[in-house]
Amino acid sequence: MVGFEIALVDSNVVDYALKLPTKDLAVNILRFVSEKRPIVTSEYVRFEVYRGLSMSKVPDAKRLLNAFTALPVDRTIFDIAAALTTCYECDEQTKQYRASFSDGDIIIAATAFKHKLVVVTANRNDFPAPYFSEVTKHTLRDARNRPIPVYELKPDIAYLNAMLEVCFPAAANNKRLEKRDGQ
């Protein structure tokens, strides 16, 4: 795999696909994305979706989530997530927002970096620039016809590697992500 050919769906998009007012639109966006690239999810997304889910929604959630391969959260992802958290805290462009990034979003971001995946999310703020750049933007509408943007975001491996040089200068060579495709 060359990289960035597969989409990683965030739990908020799955949530929209499970709610009646946005279900059809979210499913259409997932279909549109899947016409360009296969879609996977993270085991962590499965956890987020099932956590607190009403029993009546479990069958629909299972059908939807079982349509995607779920990537495991392993030691490498945790290592990348820890480094990414430190970079977010050191980086002038993200440090003021660091408290707003949940551990789950950082794990999903680390999964995207490790596997070179495009993230499909309804919350652009969870995957901050310059670590992620916008590939495409779609729009859902909620029950009140308010727009809900859904983004396809590409992780910027070169930027993360540059920040690793700043945040972990002595260990940067051990933490650097593999460069591919001009990244």
Protein backbone atom coordinates (compact mmCIF):
# COMPACT_ATOMS: atom_id res chain seq x y z
CA MET A 1 0.00 0.00 0.00
CA VAL A 2 1.40 3.40 -1.01
CA GLY A 3 -0.50 5.37 1.64
CA PHE A 4 -3.52 7.65 1.95
CA GLU A 5 -5.54 5.26 -0.21
CA ILE A 6 -7.78 4.18 2.68
CA ALA A 7 -10.18 6.23 4.81
CA LEU A 8 -10.43 5.93 8.60
CA VAL A 9 -13.93 6.82 9.77
CA ASP A 10 -14.26 8.74 13.06
CA SER A 11 -16.91 7.81 15.62
CA ASN A 12 -18.86 11.04 15.11
CA VAL A 13 -19.61 10.09 11.48
CA VAL A 14 -20.77 6.65 12.62
CA ASP A 15 -22.96 8.38 15.23
CA TYR A 16 -24.58 10.50 12.51
CA ALA A 17 -25.18 7.36 10.46
CA LEU A 18 -27.07 5.87 13.42
CA LYS A 19 -29.38 8.88 14.01
CA LEU A 20 -32.59 9.15 12.00
CA PRO A 21 -32.34 12.85 11.12
CA THR A 22 -28.86 12.45 9.58
CA LYS A 23 -28.72 8.73 8.80
CA ASP A 24 -29.36 8.85 5.06
CA LEU A 25 -26.97 11.72 4.46
CA ALA A 26 -24.21 10.18 6.56
CA VAL A 27 -24.61 6.84 4.79
CA ASN A 28 -24.47 8.66 1.44
CA ILE A 29 -21.24 10.40 2.45
CA LEU A 30 -19.75 7.07 3.50
CA ARG A 31 -20.79 5.59 0.15
CA PHE A 32 -19.25 8.55 -1.69
CA VAL A 33 -15.99 8.19 0.25
CA SER A 34 -15.95 4.42 -0.31
CA GLU A 35 -16.17 4.96 -4.08
CA LYS A 36 -12.76 6.69 -3.89
CA ARG A 37 -11.11 4.60 -1.19
CA PRO A 38 -11.93 1.68 1.10
CA ILE A 39 -13.08 2.62 4.61
CA VAL A 40 -11.72 1.17 7.85
CA THR A 41 -12.23 2.08 11.45
CA SER A 42 -10.31 1.71 14.68
CA GLU A 43 -11.11 -0.64 17.53
CA TYR A 44 -11.19 2.55 19.59
CA VAL A 45 -14.01 3.92 17.38
CA ARG A 46 -15.95 0.71 18.01
CA PHE A 47 -15.53 1.31 21.75
CA GLU A 48 -16.70 4.93 21.44
CA VAL A 49 -19.77 3.98 19.41
CA TYR A 50 -20.87 1.11 21.67
CA ARG A 51 -20.14 2.96 24.92
CA GLY A 52 -23.52 4.06 26.29
CA LEU A 53 -25.40 3.06 23.14
CA SER A 54 -29.06 2.19 23.71
CA MET A 55 -29.84 -1.48 23.15
CA SER A 56 -32.29 -0.59 20.36
CA LYS A 57 -29.41 0.88 18.29
CA VAL A 58 -26.96 -1.99 18.81
CA PRO A 59 -28.13 -4.04 15.78
CA ASP A 60 -27.75 -1.03 13.42
CA ALA A 61 -24.38 -0.18 14.97
CA LYS A 62 -23.18 -3.77 14.52
CA ARG A 63 -24.28 -3.83 10.86
CA LEU A 64 -22.53 -0.55 10.14
CA LEU A 65 -19.33 -1.22 12.09
CA ASN A 66 -19.03 -4.77 10.80
CA ALA A 67 -18.93 -3.35 7.27
CA PHE A 68 -15.49 -1.91 8.11
CA THR A 69 -12.25 -3.59 9.02
CA ALA A 70 -11.34 -2.45 12.53
CA LEU A 71 -7.64 -1.73 13.03
CA PRO A 72 -6.22 -2.68 16.43
CA VAL A 73 -4.82 -0.12 18.83
CA ASP A 74 -1.32 -1.40 19.48
CA ARG A 75 1.86 -0.27 21.21
CA THR A 76 3.04 1.69 18.16
CA ILE A 77 -0.21 3.63 18.02
CA PHE A 78 0.09 4.44 21.73
CA ASP A 79 3.70 5.56 21.17
CA ILE A 80 2.65 7.81 18.27
CA ALA A 81 -0.29 9.13 20.33
CA ALA A 82 2.03 10.03 23.19
CA ALA A 83 4.47 11.78 20.84
CA LEU A 84 1.59 13.54 19.08
CA THR A 85 0.23 14.77 22.42
CA THR A 86 3.64 16.20 23.32
CA CYS A 87 3.92 17.84 19.90
CA TYR A 88 0.44 19.37 20.25
CA GLU A 89 1.56 20.79 23.62
CA CYS A 90 4.87 22.16 22.26
CA ASP A 91 3.57 23.52 18.97
CA GLU A 92 2.63 27.20 18.98
CA GLN A 93 -0.16 26.44 16.49
CA THR A 94 -1.90 23.84 18.68
CA LYS A 95 -0.81 24.23 22.30
CA GLN A 96 -3.64 26.58 23.27
CA TYR A 97 -6.14 23.94 22.08
CA ARG A 98 -4.41 20.86 23.54
CA ALA A 99 -6.91 20.50 26.40
CA SER A 100 -9.74 20.14 23.86
CA PHE A 101 -8.23 17.07 22.16
CA SER A 102 -9.60 13.90 23.74
CA ASP A 103 -7.38 10.88 24.22
CA GLY A 104 -9.66 9.01 21.80
CA ASP A 105 -9.17 11.61 19.06
CA ILE A 106 -5.42 11.46 19.59
CA ILE A 107 -5.49 7.65 19.33
CA ILE A 108 -7.52 7.91 16.10
CA ALA A 109 -5.06 10.53 14.80
CA ALA A 110 -2.13 8.26 15.70
CA THR A 111 -3.84 5.41 13.82
CA ALA A 112 -4.09 7.65 10.76
CA PHE A 113 -0.39 8.55 11.02
CA LYS A 114 0.75 4.96 11.53
CA HIS A 115 -1.24 3.50 8.64
CA LYS A 116 -1.21 6.62 6.39
CA LEU A 117 -5.00 6.93 6.35
CA VAL A 118 -7.31 9.78 5.43
CA VAL A 119 -9.56 10.60 8.43
CA VAL A 120 -13.29 11.09 7.78
CA THR A 121 -14.65 13.23 10.63
CA ALA A 122 -17.41 15.68 11.46
CA ASN A 123 -15.17 17.59 13.84
CA ARG A 124 -12.28 19.31 12.07
CA ASN A 125 -11.01 20.69 15.39
CA ASP A 126 -10.17 17.20 16.68
CA PHE A 127 -7.55 16.79 13.93
CA PRO A 128 -5.78 20.15 13.91
CA ALA A 129 -3.88 21.89 11.16
CA PRO A 130 -1.03 21.77 10.39
CA TYR A 131 -0.93 18.11 11.49
CA PHE A 132 -3.89 17.39 9.19
CA SER A 133 -4.85 19.07 5.92
CA GLU A 134 -8.25 19.07 4.25
CA VAL A 135 -8.68 16.79 1.24
CA THR A 136 -12.46 17.18 0.79
CA LYS A 137 -15.40 18.67 2.66
CA HIS A 138 -18.96 17.29 2.54
CA THR A 139 -22.09 18.67 4.20
CA LEU A 140 -24.75 16.84 6.19
CA ARG A 141 -27.94 18.57 7.37
CA ASP A 142 -29.41 18.00 10.82
CA ALA A 143 -33.13 17.86 11.71
CA ARG A 144 -33.29 21.67 11.68
CA ASN A 145 -31.58 21.80 8.27
CA ARG A 146 -28.39 23.20 9.79
CA PRO A 147 -25.21 22.23 7.93
CA ILE A 148 -22.86 19.71 9.51
CA PRO A 149 -19.51 19.62 7.71
CA VAL A 150 -17.78 16.27 7.26
CA TYR A 151 -14.13 16.36 6.31
CA GLU A 152 -11.62 14.04 4.72
CA LEU A 153 -8.28 14.97 6.32
CA LYS A 154 -4.80 13.80 5.42
CA PRO A 155 -2.14 13.54 8.13
CA ASP A 156 0.97 15.58 7.40
CA ILE A 157 3.77 13.15 8.22
CA ALA A 158 6.49 15.61 7.23
CA TYR A 159 5.13 18.20 9.67
CA LEU A 160 4.89 15.67 12.50
CA ASN A 161 8.45 14.54 11.80
CA ALA A 162 9.63 18.17 11.91
CA MET A 163 7.86 18.67 15.24
CA LEU A 164 9.40 15.48 16.60
CA GLU A 165 12.79 17.08 15.92
CA VAL A 166 11.71 20.00 18.13
CA CYS A 167 9.91 18.05 20.86
CA PHE A 168 12.23 15.04 21.07
CA PRO A 169 15.55 16.13 19.53
CA ALA A 170 17.66 13.38 21.12
CA ALA A 171 15.19 10.63 20.27
CA ALA A 172 13.84 11.94 16.96
CA ASN A 173 15.51 9.27 14.87
CA ASN A 174 13.76 6.56 16.88
CA LYS A 175 10.35 8.25 16.75
CA ARG A 176 10.34 9.46 13.15
CA LEU A 177 7.56 8.02 11.02
CA GLU A 178 8.50 6.34 7.79
CA LYS A 179 8.51 8.79 4.89
CA ARG A 180 6.66 7.82 1.72
CA ASP A 181 5.17 9.52 -1.29
CA GLY A 182 7.18 12.72 -0.94
CA GLN A 183 6.11 13.21 2.67
